[in-house]
Amino acid sequence: GNDILGNEGNSFATIQGALNYLKKDGGTVFVEPGTYEPVTVSGGARIDIISTDGPDSTIIDGGGKSTCFCVNPDDYKVYSDFVNLTGFTLRNGFGQDGGGSILGALHRCVLKENTAYFRGGGSYYSILDNCLVIDNAADARRQPSGFSGSKGSAVGGGAFASFLYNCTVVRNSAWQSGSGLAVAGGVYTDSQET
């Protein structure tokens, strides 16, 4: 498929192309196995993004340059399940906050090897349900040159201010505090941190 002629009967080439098509009216995007570029959800409509084969074969890779899955905070409320991502691996994301995810509800996802240089290496203000959060970092030493924010705050290697339900949080790190989690208003329920 391609992103110019894609529609309900003709596959889009990228997840972002399908999201742009659904931006105003909302809907569901089914994603086949593969490795995809980062996505940003905006527009305010209800969106469900569902992997057809699960996180082992459906990956969003930040390329070490950007957050893998970002929900625009100008269009959606914090802790809303109005945008759902199901069955993906989010890996190699990088950003000021939330290397893996910013906002949105993630179900049965794997967040691994993501980095934030301020807060939430794996997730930032997200809802995580039955997710594996592994090998993420919040590391102020990774700040780009010219960054004018705090030089000492790098908290919540696995997740910052997120709601976690039935999740496993393993081998995450933070330069300042909260290597696995920095709860700061979030909830940590029936989850396991090792």
Protein backbone atom coordinates (compact mmCIF):
# COMPACT_ATOMS: atom_id res chain seq x y z
CA GLY A 1 0.00 0.00 0.00
CA ASN A 2 0.89 3.67 0.10
CA ASP A 3 -0.09 6.65 2.21
CA ILE A 4 -1.54 8.73 -0.64
CA LEU A 5 -4.07 6.24 -2.02
CA GLY A 6 -4.64 4.22 1.14
CA ASN A 7 -8.18 3.79 2.41
CA GLU A 8 -10.31 1.17 4.16
CA GLY A 9 -9.99 -1.25 1.24
CA ASN A 10 -6.36 -0.54 0.34
CA SER A 11 -3.63 -0.84 2.99
CA PHE A 12 -1.61 2.18 4.04
CA ALA A 13 2.19 1.94 3.90
CA THR A 14 2.65 3.36 7.42
CA ILE A 15 0.74 3.49 10.68
CA GLN A 16 0.99 7.29 10.55
CA GLY A 17 -0.68 7.33 7.12
CA ALA A 18 -3.65 5.39 8.49
CA LEU A 19 -3.86 7.66 11.54
CA ASN A 20 -3.85 10.76 9.35
CA TYR A 21 -6.77 9.27 7.39
CA LEU A 22 -8.75 8.63 10.62
CA LYS A 23 -7.76 11.87 12.33
CA LYS A 24 -11.17 13.57 12.39
CA ASP A 25 -13.58 10.65 12.61
CA GLY A 26 -11.54 8.09 14.55
CA GLY A 27 -11.67 4.33 14.12
CA THR A 28 -9.50 1.23 14.27
CA VAL A 29 -6.17 0.56 12.56
CA PHE A 30 -5.11 -3.09 12.22
CA VAL A 31 -1.36 -3.43 11.77
CA GLU A 32 0.36 -6.43 10.19
CA PRO A 33 3.75 -7.70 11.39
CA GLY A 34 6.74 -5.49 10.63
CA THR A 35 8.92 -2.72 11.98
CA TYR A 36 7.41 0.75 11.79
CA GLU A 37 8.49 4.34 12.33
CA PRO A 38 7.27 6.34 15.35
CA VAL A 39 3.69 7.60 15.35
CA THR A 40 1.89 10.65 16.71
CA VAL A 41 -1.84 10.60 17.36
CA SER A 42 -3.73 13.89 17.15
CA GLY A 43 -7.17 15.17 16.28
CA GLY A 44 -9.15 14.23 19.39
CA ALA A 45 -11.10 11.29 17.91
CA ARG A 46 -11.15 7.82 19.47
CA ILE A 47 -8.40 5.67 17.92
CA ASP A 48 -7.59 1.98 18.43
CA ILE A 49 -4.34 0.66 16.94
CA ILE A 50 -4.18 -3.13 17.08
CA SER A 51 -1.39 -5.48 16.04
CA THR A 52 -2.65 -8.54 14.21
CA ASP A 53 0.17 -10.79 15.50
CA GLY A 54 1.38 -9.28 18.80
CA PRO A 55 4.52 -7.61 20.14
CA ASP A 56 7.03 -10.23 19.03
CA SER A 57 6.46 -9.40 15.38
CA THR A 58 4.98 -5.88 15.37
CA ILE A 59 7.46 -3.18 16.38
CA ILE A 60 7.55 0.59 16.52
CA ASP A 61 11.22 1.65 16.53
CA GLY A 62 12.20 5.17 17.55
CA GLY A 63 15.59 4.84 15.88
CA GLY A 64 17.24 6.43 18.93
CA LYS A 65 15.85 9.80 17.76
CA SER A 66 12.21 10.16 18.79
CA THR A 67 9.45 8.84 21.04
CA CYS A 68 7.90 5.66 19.61
CA PHE A 69 4.24 6.40 20.41
CA CYS A 70 3.10 9.93 21.20
CA VAL A 71 -0.44 11.11 21.85
CA ASN A 72 -0.73 14.87 21.36
CA PRO A 73 -1.53 16.38 24.79
CA ASP A 74 -3.28 19.35 23.13
CA ASP A 75 -5.94 16.99 21.70
CA TYR A 76 -6.33 14.33 24.44
CA LYS A 77 -6.58 14.31 28.22
CA VAL A 78 -3.97 12.73 30.46
CA TYR A 79 -4.84 9.16 31.54
CA SER A 80 -7.47 8.78 28.84
CA ASP A 81 -8.19 5.46 27.18
CA PHE A 82 -9.44 7.33 24.11
CA VAL A 83 -6.28 6.25 22.25
CA ASN A 84 -5.39 2.54 22.60
CA LEU A 85 -2.32 0.71 21.34
CA THR A 86 -2.51 -3.09 21.59
CA GLY A 87 0.13 -5.75 20.97
CA PHE A 88 3.26 -3.80 19.98
CA THR A 89 6.90 -3.61 20.98
CA LEU A 90 8.08 -0.01 21.44
CA ARG A 91 11.86 0.04 21.27
CA ASN A 92 14.81 2.35 20.85
CA GLY A 93 12.77 5.50 21.51
CA PHE A 94 14.38 8.72 22.70
CA GLY A 95 12.99 12.00 23.98
CA GLN A 96 12.90 14.56 26.75
CA ASP A 97 9.95 12.78 28.37
CA GLY A 98 8.68 9.30 27.48
CA GLY A 99 11.13 7.56 25.19
CA GLY A 100 8.65 4.73 24.59
CA SER A 101 5.25 6.39 25.02
CA ILE A 102 3.65 9.70 25.90
CA LEU A 103 0.00 9.47 27.01
CA GLY A 104 -2.43 6.87 25.64
CA ALA A 105 -3.38 3.42 26.91
CA LEU A 106 -1.07 0.53 26.01
CA HIS A 107 -2.30 -3.06 26.27
CA ARG A 108 -0.13 -6.20 26.03
CA CYS A 109 2.85 -4.17 24.82
CA VAL A 110 6.60 -4.44 25.41
CA LEU A 111 8.47 -1.21 26.13
CA LYS A 112 12.20 -1.88 25.87
CA GLU A 113 15.48 -0.06 25.42
CA ASN A 114 13.91 3.41 25.39
CA THR A 115 15.54 6.52 26.91
CA ALA A 116 14.28 9.85 28.20
CA TYR A 117 16.71 12.51 29.34
CA PHE A 118 14.19 13.97 31.78
CA ARG A 119 11.28 11.71 32.85
CA GLY A 120 9.94 8.27 31.97
CA GLY A 121 12.34 6.29 29.82
CA GLY A 122 9.65 3.71 29.03
CA SER A 123 6.44 5.71 29.48
CA TYR A 124 5.27 9.16 30.50
CA TYR A 125 1.72 9.76 31.76
CA SER A 126 0.48 6.57 30.08
CA ILE A 127 -1.84 3.75 31.09
CA LEU A 128 -0.03 0.39 30.86
CA ASP A 129 -2.08 -2.80 31.02
CA ASN A 130 -0.41 -6.23 30.97
CA CYS A 131 2.82 -4.75 29.61
CA LEU A 132 6.49 -5.68 29.98
CA VAL A 133 8.68 -2.65 30.77
CA ILE A 134 12.33 -3.71 30.39
CA ASP A 135 15.78 -2.14 29.96
CA ASN A 136 14.60 1.49 29.72
CA ALA A 137 16.45 4.49 31.17
CA ALA A 138 15.98 8.06 32.34
CA ASP A 139 19.42 9.58 31.96
CA ALA A 140 20.17 13.33 32.14
CA ARG A 141 23.61 12.67 30.69
CA ARG A 142 21.89 11.97 27.33
CA GLN A 143 20.50 15.52 27.02
CA PRO A 144 21.19 17.06 23.62
CA SER A 145 23.54 20.03 23.55
CA GLY A 146 21.65 23.26 23.96
CA PHE A 147 18.86 21.74 26.10
CA SER A 148 17.79 24.41 28.59
CA GLY A 149 15.85 22.24 31.06
CA SER A 150 16.98 20.83 34.39
CA LYS A 151 20.38 19.18 34.22
CA GLY A 152 19.89 16.99 37.30
CA SER A 153 16.43 15.47 36.99
CA ALA A 154 16.22 12.10 35.33
CA VAL A 155 13.55 10.03 37.05
CA GLY A 156 11.38 7.02 36.32
CA GLY A 157 13.53 4.83 34.10
CA GLY A 158 10.67 2.43 33.45
CA ALA A 159 7.70 4.77 33.83
CA PHE A 160 6.92 8.23 35.14
CA ALA A 161 3.48 9.22 36.49
CA SER A 162 1.82 6.31 34.70
CA PHE A 163 -0.87 3.85 35.71
CA LEU A 164 0.41 0.25 35.59
CA TYR A 165 -1.95 -2.73 35.82
CA ASN A 166 -0.64 -6.32 35.81
CA CYS A 167 2.72 -5.24 34.38
CA THR A 168 6.24 -6.55 34.83
CA VAL A 169 8.97 -3.92 35.30
CA VAL A 170 12.52 -5.28 34.93
CA ARG A 171 16.11 -3.87 34.66
CA ASN A 172 15.24 -0.21 34.19
CA SER A 173 17.50 2.60 35.39
CA ALA A 174 17.31 6.27 36.32
CA TRP A 175 20.15 8.69 36.81
CA GLN A 176 18.44 10.41 39.76
CA SER A 177 15.63 8.29 41.24
CA GLY A 178 12.88 5.80 40.51
CA SER A 179 14.85 3.32 38.42
CA GLY A 180 11.78 1.18 37.76
CA LEU A 181 9.01 3.67 38.48
CA ALA A 182 8.54 7.23 39.62
CA VAL A 183 4.89 7.11 40.59
CA ALA A 184 4.27 10.87 41.16
CA GLY A 185 0.49 10.64 40.87
CA GLY A 186 0.32 7.34 38.99
CA VAL A 187 -0.94 3.97 40.21
CA TYR A 188 0.97 0.70 40.44
CA THR A 189 -1.50 -2.20 40.73
CA ASP A 190 -0.92 -5.97 40.66
CA SER A 191 2.40 -5.38 38.93
CA GLN A 192 5.79 -6.86 39.59
CA GLU A 193 9.04 -4.90 39.73
CA THR A 194 12.32 -6.80 39.75
